[in-house]
């Protein structure tokens, strides 16, 4: 999940926004070597921690909104 989180925060920095960040599993694999299944599991994990919300559509990359970005205070390994 750490790699996916880095990927989302990296994209957030590039786009200078926390809303409607388009995250693709293809780019995640390219940058961090994540499989599509790991990518989806990590997104679900971040959602369950209420760190992000996602809007998903069939055949489309998820659109992510960062809710909680002070992730150093959250024990992500416990989730």
PDB file of N, CA and C in Angstrom:
ATOM      1  N   UNK A   1       0.825  -1.190   0.000  1.00  0.00           N
ATOM      2  CA  UNK A   1       0.000   0.000   0.000  1.00  0.00           C
ATOM      3  C   UNK A   1       0.871   1.257   0.000  1.00  0.00           C
ATOM      4  N   UNK A   2       2.063   1.143   0.535  1.00  0.00           N
ATOM      5  CA  UNK A   2       2.950   2.315   0.599  1.00  0.00           C
ATOM      6  C   UNK A   2       3.234   2.867  -0.797  1.00  0.00           C
ATOM      7  N   UNK A   3       3.485   1.972  -1.762  1.00  0.00           N
ATOM      8  CA  UNK A   3       3.805   2.436  -3.106  1.00  0.00           C
ATOM      9  C   UNK A   3       2.622   3.160  -3.745  1.00  0.00           C
ATOM     10  N   UNK A   4       1.433   2.617  -3.548  1.00  0.00           N
ATOM     11  CA  UNK A   4       0.243   3.242  -4.120  1.00  0.00           C
ATOM     12  C   UNK A   4       0.008   4.616  -3.506  1.00  0.00           C
ATOM     13  N   UNK A   5       0.238   4.701  -2.209  1.00  0.00           N
ATOM     14  CA  UNK A   5       0.071   5.987  -1.516  1.00  0.00           C
ATOM     15  C   UNK A   5       1.070   7.002  -2.066  1.00  0.00           C
ATOM     16  N   UNK A   6       2.303   6.582  -2.252  1.00  0.00           N
ATOM     17  CA  UNK A   6       3.313   7.481  -2.820  1.00  0.00           C
ATOM     18  C   UNK A   6       2.912   7.930  -4.220  1.00  0.00           C
ATOM     19  N   UNK A   7       2.390   7.004  -4.993  1.00  0.00           N
ATOM     20  CA  UNK A   7       1.962   7.304  -6.353  1.00  0.00           C
ATOM     21  C   UNK A   7       0.856   8.363  -6.353  1.00  0.00           C
ATOM     22  N   UNK A   8      -0.155   8.195  -5.488  1.00  0.00           N
ATOM     23  CA  UNK A   8      -1.263   9.154  -5.424  1.00  0.00           C
ATOM     24  C   UNK A   8      -0.775  10.518  -4.967  1.00  0.00           C
ATOM     25  N   UNK A   9       0.074  10.544  -3.929  1.00  0.00           N
ATOM     26  CA  UNK A   9       0.569  11.837  -3.433  1.00  0.00           C
ATOM     27  C   UNK A   9       1.509  12.477  -4.453  1.00  0.00           C
ATOM     28  N   UNK A  10       2.243  11.680  -5.191  1.00  0.00           N
ATOM     29  CA  UNK A  10       3.107  12.186  -6.258  1.00  0.00           C
ATOM     30  C   UNK A  10       2.253  12.869  -7.335  1.00  0.00           C
ATOM     31  N   UNK A  11       1.182  12.187  -7.779  1.00  0.00           N
ATOM     32  CA  UNK A  11       0.287  12.775  -8.781  1.00  0.00           C
ATOM     33  C   UNK A  11      -0.385  14.032  -8.259  1.00  0.00           C
ATOM     34  N   UNK A  12      -0.713  14.026  -6.972  1.00  0.00           N
ATOM     35  CA  UNK A  12      -1.312  15.207  -6.356  1.00  0.00           C
ATOM     36  C   UNK A  12      -0.358  16.389  -6.437  1.00  0.00           C
ATOM     37  N   UNK A  13       0.910  16.151  -6.174  1.00  0.00           N
ATOM     38  CA  UNK A  13       1.912  17.213  -6.255  1.00  0.00           C
ATOM     39  C   UNK A  13       2.092  17.729  -7.672  1.00  0.00           C
ATOM     40  N   UNK A  14       2.064  16.799  -8.635  1.00  0.00           N
ATOM     41  CA  UNK A  14       2.212  17.202 -10.033  1.00  0.00           C
ATOM     42  C   UNK A  14       1.036  18.065 -10.492  1.00  0.00           C
ATOM     43  N   UNK A  15      -0.160  17.668 -10.091  1.00  0.00           N
ATOM     44  CA  UNK A  15      -1.342  18.404 -10.541  1.00  0.00           C
ATOM     45  C   UNK A  15      -1.715  19.554  -9.606  1.00  0.00           C
ATOM     46  N   UNK A  16      -1.028  19.616  -8.464  1.00  0.00           N
ATOM     47  CA  UNK A  16      -1.262  20.677  -7.469  1.00  0.00           C
ATOM     48  C   UNK A  16      -2.715  20.743  -7.015  1.00  0.00           C
ATOM     49  N   UNK A  17      -3.308  19.586  -6.856  1.00  0.00           N
ATOM     50  CA  UNK A  17      -4.683  19.502  -6.381  1.00  0.00           C
ATOM     51  C   UNK A  17      -4.857  18.229  -5.564  1.00  0.00           C
ATOM     52  N   UNK A  18      -5.903  18.190  -4.779  1.00  0.00           N
ATOM     53  CA  UNK A  18      -6.232  16.990  -4.012  1.00  0.00           C
ATOM     54  C   UNK A  18      -7.533  16.371  -4.513  1.00  0.00           C
ATOM     55  N   UNK A  19      -8.114  16.959  -5.551  1.00  0.00           N
ATOM     56  CA  UNK A  19      -9.401  16.482  -6.060  1.00  0.00           C
ATOM     57  C   UNK A  19      -9.271  15.986  -7.487  1.00  0.00           C
ATOM     58  N   UNK A  20     -10.048  14.959  -7.796  1.00  0.00           N
ATOM     59  CA  UNK A  20     -10.148  14.409  -9.151  1.00  0.00           C
ATOM     60  C   UNK A  20      -8.794  14.054  -9.758  1.00  0.00           C
ATOM     61  N   UNK A  21      -7.974  13.383  -8.983  1.00  0.00           N
ATOM     62  CA  UNK A  21      -6.678  12.914  -9.467  1.00  0.00           C
ATOM     63  C   UNK A  21      -6.917  11.582 -10.172  1.00  0.00           C
ATOM     64  N   UNK A  22      -6.594  11.511 -11.437  1.00  0.00           N
ATOM     65  CA  UNK A  22      -6.802  10.277 -12.190  1.00  0.00           C
ATOM     66  C   UNK A  22      -5.587   9.379 -11.978  1.00  0.00           C
ATOM     67  N   UNK A  23      -5.840   8.196 -11.405  1.00  0.00           N
ATOM     68  CA  UNK A  23      -4.760   7.250 -11.131  1.00  0.00           C
ATOM     69  C   UNK A  23      -4.973   6.000 -11.978  1.00  0.00           C
ATOM     70  N   UNK A  24      -3.979   5.640 -12.750  1.00  0.00           N
ATOM     71  CA  UNK A  24      -4.121   4.454 -13.591  1.00  0.00           C
ATOM     72  C   UNK A  24      -3.192   3.361 -13.091  1.00  0.00           C
ATOM     73  N   UNK A  25      -3.707   2.144 -13.112  1.00  0.00           N
ATOM     74  CA  UNK A  25      -2.895   1.022 -12.654  1.00  0.00           C
ATOM     75  C   UNK A  25      -1.704   0.804 -13.598  1.00  0.00           C
ATOM     76  N   UNK A  26      -1.869   1.167 -14.872  1.00  0.00           N
ATOM     77  CA  UNK A  26      -0.768   1.036 -15.833  1.00  0.00           C
ATOM     78  C   UNK A  26       0.419   1.915 -15.458  1.00  0.00           C
ATOM     79  N   UNK A  27       0.139   3.157 -15.096  1.00  0.00           N
ATOM     80  CA  UNK A  27       1.220   4.054 -14.680  1.00  0.00           C
ATOM     81  C   UNK A  27       1.790   3.630 -13.335  1.00  0.00           C
ATOM     82  N   UNK A  28       0.936   3.115 -12.457  1.00  0.00           N
ATOM     83  CA  UNK A  28       1.412   2.613 -11.167  1.00  0.00           C
ATOM     84  C   UNK A  28       2.365   1.455 -11.358  1.00  0.00           C
ATOM     85  N   UNK A  29       2.049   0.585 -12.311  1.00  0.00           N
ATOM     86  CA  UNK A  29       2.929  -0.550 -12.601  1.00  0.00           C
ATOM     87  C   UNK A  29       4.251  -0.064 -13.180  1.00  0.00           C
ATOM     88  N   UNK A  30       4.147   0.913 -14.072  1.00  0.00           N
ATOM     89  CA  UNK A  30       5.333   1.467 -14.712  1.00  0.00           C
ATOM     90  C   UNK A  30       6.271   2.126 -13.692  1.00  0.00           C
ATOM     91  N   UNK A  31       5.692   2.880 -12.764  1.00  0.00           N
ATOM     92  CA  UNK A  31       6.504   3.623 -11.801  1.00  0.00           C
ATOM     93  C   UNK A  31       6.976   2.777 -10.625  1.00  0.00           C
ATOM     94  N   UNK A  32       6.105   1.872 -10.135  1.00  0.00           N
ATOM     95  CA  UNK A  32       6.404   1.159  -8.903  1.00  0.00           C
ATOM     96  C   UNK A  32       6.344  -0.361  -9.022  1.00  0.00           C
ATOM     97  N   UNK A  33       6.014  -0.876 -10.191  1.00  0.00           N
ATOM     98  CA  UNK A  33       5.949  -2.320 -10.377  1.00  0.00           C
ATOM     99  C   UNK A  33       4.751  -2.977  -9.704  1.00  0.00           C
ATOM    100  N   UNK A  34       3.646  -2.226  -9.512  1.00  0.00           N
ATOM    101  CA  UNK A  34       2.446  -2.769  -8.872  1.00  0.00           C
ATOM    102  C   UNK A  34       1.584  -3.506  -9.887  1.00  0.00           C
ATOM    103  N   UNK A  35       1.051  -4.648  -9.481  1.00  0.00           N
ATOM    104  CA  UNK A  35       0.107  -5.350 -10.339  1.00  0.00           C
ATOM    105  C   UNK A  35      -1.255  -4.650 -10.221  1.00  0.00           C
ATOM    106  N   UNK A  36      -2.121  -4.797 -11.233  1.00  0.00           N
ATOM    107  CA  UNK A  36      -3.454  -4.186 -11.146  1.00  0.00           C
ATOM    108  C   UNK A  36      -4.226  -4.638  -9.902  1.00  0.00           C
ATOM    109  N   UNK A  37      -4.071  -5.896  -9.518  1.00  0.00           N
ATOM    110  CA  UNK A  37      -4.762  -6.399  -8.320  1.00  0.00           C
ATOM    111  C   UNK A  37      -4.239  -5.701  -7.060  1.00  0.00           C
ATOM    112  N   UNK A  38      -2.928  -5.574  -6.946  1.00  0.00           N
ATOM    113  CA  UNK A  38      -2.338  -4.878  -5.795  1.00  0.00           C
ATOM    114  C   UNK A  38      -2.770  -3.418  -5.764  1.00  0.00           C
ATOM    115  N   UNK A  39      -2.841  -2.821  -6.933  1.00  0.00           N
ATOM    116  CA  UNK A  39      -3.261  -1.427  -7.067  1.00  0.00           C
ATOM    117  C   UNK A  39      -4.678  -1.248  -6.516  1.00  0.00           C
ATOM    118  N   UNK A  40      -5.596  -2.136  -6.926  1.00  0.00           N
ATOM    119  CA  UNK A  40      -6.983  -2.063  -6.471  1.00  0.00           C
ATOM    120  C   UNK A  40      -7.080  -2.311  -4.966  1.00  0.00           C
ATOM    121  N   UNK A  41      -6.344  -3.300  -4.470  1.00  0.00           N
ATOM    122  CA  UNK A  41      -6.352  -3.584  -3.028  1.00  0.00           C
ATOM    123  C   UNK A  41      -5.849  -2.385  -2.235  1.00  0.00           C
ATOM    124  N   UNK A  42      -4.822  -1.739  -2.739  1.00  0.00           N
ATOM    125  CA  UNK A  42      -4.259  -0.579  -2.044  1.00  0.00           C
ATOM    126  C   UNK A  42      -5.250   0.589  -2.037  1.00  0.00           C
ATOM    127  N   UNK A  43      -5.930   0.820  -3.160  1.00  0.00           N
ATOM    128  CA  UNK A  43      -6.950   1.877  -3.195  1.00  0.00           C
ATOM    129  C   UNK A  43      -8.054   1.579  -2.188  1.00  0.00           C
ATOM    130  N   UNK A  44      -8.501   0.325  -2.143  1.00  0.00           N
ATOM    131  CA  UNK A  44      -9.539  -0.062  -1.183  1.00  0.00           C
ATOM    132  C   UNK A  44      -9.056   0.148   0.252  1.00  0.00           C
ATOM    133  N   UNK A  45      -7.783  -0.161   0.515  1.00  0.00           N
ATOM    134  CA  UNK A  45      -7.220   0.035   1.843  1.00  0.00           C
ATOM    135  C   UNK A  45      -7.176   1.497   2.243  1.00  0.00           C
ATOM    136  N   UNK A  46      -6.768   2.359   1.322  1.00  0.00           N
ATOM    137  CA  UNK A  46      -6.731   3.792   1.611  1.00  0.00           C
ATOM    138  C   UNK A  46      -8.134   4.353   1.808  1.00  0.00           C
ATOM    139  N   UNK A  47      -9.099   3.813   1.072  1.00  0.00           N
ATOM    140  CA  UNK A  47     -10.495   4.224   1.271  1.00  0.00           C
ATOM    141  C   UNK A  47     -10.995   3.793   2.644  1.00  0.00           C
ATOM    142  N   UNK A  48     -10.651   2.576   3.051  1.00  0.00           N
ATOM    143  CA  UNK A  48     -11.121   2.092   4.358  1.00  0.00           C
ATOM    144  C   UNK A  48     -10.498   2.879   5.510  1.00  0.00           C
ATOM    145  N   UNK A  49      -9.325   3.450   5.286  1.00  0.00           N
ATOM    146  CA  UNK A  49      -8.686   4.310   6.290  1.00  0.00           C
ATOM    147  C   UNK A  49      -9.216   5.740   6.237  1.00  0.00           C
ATOM    148  N   UNK A  50     -10.124   5.991   5.317  1.00  0.00           N
ATOM    149  CA  UNK A  50     -10.735   7.305   5.090  1.00  0.00           C
ATOM    150  C   UNK A  50      -9.664   8.353   4.766  1.00  0.00           C
ATOM    151  N   UNK A  51      -8.685   7.926   3.996  1.00  0.00           N
ATOM    152  CA  UNK A  51      -7.644   8.844   3.539  1.00  0.00           C
ATOM    153  C   UNK A  51      -7.987   9.400   2.159  1.00  0.00           C
ATOM    154  N   UNK A  52      -8.762   8.622   1.382  1.00  0.00           N
ATOM    155  CA  UNK A  52      -9.150   9.035   0.030  1.00  0.00           C
ATOM    156  C   UNK A  52     -10.595   8.627  -0.228  1.00  0.00           C
ATOM    157  N   UNK A  53     -11.179   9.234  -1.241  1.00  0.00           N
ATOM    158  CA  UNK A  53     -12.426   8.738  -1.818  1.00  0.00           C
ATOM    159  C   UNK A  53     -12.136   8.488  -3.287  1.00  0.00           C
ATOM    160  N   UNK A  54     -12.829   7.534  -3.863  1.00  0.00           N
ATOM    161  CA  UNK A  54     -12.625   7.254  -5.285  1.00  0.00           C
ATOM    162  C   UNK A  54     -13.957   7.193  -6.006  1.00  0.00           C
ATOM    163  N   UNK A  55     -13.919   7.593  -7.258  1.00  0.00           N
ATOM    164  CA  UNK A  55     -15.045   7.432  -8.166  1.00  0.00           C
ATOM    165  C   UNK A  55     -14.541   6.510  -9.259  1.00  0.00           C
ATOM    166  N   UNK A  56     -15.223   5.372  -9.378  1.00  0.00           N
ATOM    167  CA  UNK A  56     -14.796   4.374 -10.362  1.00  0.00           C
ATOM    168  C   UNK A  56     -15.849   4.227 -11.445  1.00  0.00           C
ATOM    169  N   UNK A  57     -15.392   3.990 -12.658  1.00  0.00           N
ATOM    170  CA  UNK A  57     -16.281   3.721 -13.783  1.00  0.00           C
ATOM    171  C   UNK A  57     -15.746   2.543 -14.572  1.00  0.00           C
ATOM    172  N   UNK A  58     -16.620   1.789 -15.180  1.00  0.00           N
ATOM    173  CA  UNK A  58     -16.204   0.625 -15.955  1.00  0.00           C
ATOM    174  C   UNK A  58     -15.303   1.067 -17.104  1.00  0.00           C
ATOM    175  N   UNK A  59     -14.135   0.467 -17.180  1.00  0.00           N
ATOM    176  CA  UNK A  59     -13.193   0.770 -18.249  1.00  0.00           C
ATOM    177  C   UNK A  59     -12.468   2.096 -18.110  1.00  0.00           C
ATOM    178  N   UNK A  60     -12.602   2.742 -16.944  1.00  0.00           N
ATOM    179  CA  UNK A  60     -11.949   4.041 -16.724  1.00  0.00           C
ATOM    180  C   UNK A  60     -11.039   3.966 -15.506  1.00  0.00           C
ATOM    181  N   UNK A  61     -10.023   4.792 -15.500  1.00  0.00           N
ATOM    182  CA  UNK A  61      -9.149   4.889 -14.332  1.00  0.00           C
ATOM    183  C   UNK A  61      -9.898   5.591 -13.201  1.00  0.00           C
ATOM    184  N   UNK A  62      -9.657   5.161 -11.961  1.00  0.00           N
ATOM    185  CA  UNK A  62     -10.337   5.809 -10.826  1.00  0.00           C
ATOM    186  C   UNK A  62      -9.931   7.266 -10.677  1.00  0.00           C
ATOM    187  N   UNK A  63     -10.883   8.078 -10.206  1.00  0.00           N
ATOM    188  CA  UNK A  63     -10.616   9.478  -9.859  1.00  0.00           C
ATOM    189  C   UNK A  63     -10.574   9.538  -8.344  1.00  0.00           C
ATOM    190  N   UNK A  64      -9.472  10.011  -7.820  1.00  0.00           N
ATOM    191  CA  UNK A  64      -9.230  10.000  -6.377  1.00  0.00           C
ATOM    192  C   UNK A  64      -9.264  11.422  -5.825  1.00  0.00           C
ATOM    193  N   UNK A  65      -9.844  11.566  -4.644  1.00  0.00           N
ATOM    194  CA  UNK A  65      -9.782  12.810  -3.889  1.00  0.00           C
ATOM    195  C   UNK A  65      -9.124  12.489  -2.558  1.00  0.00           C
ATOM    196  N   UNK A  66      -8.077  13.224  -2.226  1.00  0.00           N
ATOM    197  CA  UNK A  66      -7.375  13.018  -0.961  1.00  0.00           C
ATOM    198  C   UNK A  66      -8.133  13.745   0.138  1.00  0.00           C
ATOM    199  N   UNK A  67      -8.490  12.994   1.177  1.00  0.00           N
ATOM    200  CA  UNK A  67      -9.209  13.567   2.308  1.00  0.00           C
ATOM    201  C   UNK A  67      -8.247  13.883   3.439  1.00  0.00           C
ATOM    202  N   UNK A  68      -7.377  12.942   3.712  1.00  0.00           N
ATOM    203  CA  UNK A  68      -6.456  13.046   4.850  1.00  0.00           C
ATOM    204  C   UNK A  68      -5.050  12.885   4.322  1.00  0.00           C
ATOM    205  N   UNK A  69      -4.245  13.942   4.385  1.00  0.00           N
ATOM    206  CA  UNK A  69      -2.904  13.851   3.809  1.00  0.00           C
ATOM    207  C   UNK A  69      -1.782  13.869   4.832  1.00  0.00           C
ATOM    208  N   UNK A  70      -2.116  13.837   6.103  1.00  0.00           N
ATOM    209  CA  UNK A  70      -1.081  13.782   7.138  1.00  0.00           C
ATOM    210  C   UNK A  70      -0.863  12.320   7.513  1.00  0.00           C
ATOM    211  N   UNK A  71      -0.477  11.512   6.501  1.00  0.00           N
ATOM    212  CA  UNK A  71      -0.450  10.066   6.649  1.00  0.00           C
ATOM    213  C   UNK A  71       0.625   9.542   7.592  1.00  0.00           C
ATOM    214  N   UNK A  72       1.556  10.371   8.022  1.00  0.00           N
ATOM    215  CA  UNK A  72       2.582   9.903   8.950  1.00  0.00           C
ATOM    216  C   UNK A  72       1.995   9.568  10.312  1.00  0.00           C
ATOM    217  N   UNK A  73       0.852  10.143  10.650  1.00  0.00           N
ATOM    218  CA  UNK A  73       0.233   9.901  11.946  1.00  0.00           C
ATOM    219  C   UNK A  73      -0.655   8.670  11.956  1.00  0.00           C
ATOM    220  N   UNK A  74      -0.870   8.058  10.808  1.00  0.00           N
ATOM    221  CA  UNK A  74      -1.759   6.897  10.703  1.00  0.00           C
ATOM    222  C   UNK A  74      -0.918   5.641  10.580  1.00  0.00           C
ATOM    223  N   UNK A  75      -1.269   4.616  11.345  1.00  0.00           N
ATOM    224  CA  UNK A  75      -0.565   3.347  11.281  1.00  0.00           C
ATOM    225  C   UNK A  75      -1.148   2.517  10.137  1.00  0.00           C
ATOM    226  N   UNK A  76      -0.599   2.661   8.925  1.00  0.00           N
ATOM    227  CA  UNK A  76      -1.135   2.011   7.759  1.00  0.00           C
ATOM    228  C   UNK A  76      -0.887   0.508   7.774  1.00  0.00           C
ATOM    229  N   UNK A  77       0.145   0.063   8.421  1.00  0.00           N
ATOM    230  CA  UNK A  77       0.456  -1.359   8.470  1.00  0.00           C
ATOM    231  C   UNK A  77      -0.596  -2.126   9.261  1.00  0.00           C
ATOM    232  N   UNK A  78      -1.248  -1.509  10.208  1.00  0.00           N
ATOM    233  CA  UNK A  78      -2.247  -2.169  11.026  1.00  0.00           C
ATOM    234  C   UNK A  78      -3.537  -2.434  10.246  1.00  0.00           C
ATOM    235  N   UNK A  79      -3.732  -1.702   9.166  1.00  0.00           N
ATOM    236  CA  UNK A  79      -4.979  -1.838   8.401  1.00  0.00           C
ATOM    237  C   UNK A  79      -4.936  -2.976   7.483  1.00  0.00           C
TER     238      UNK A  79
END
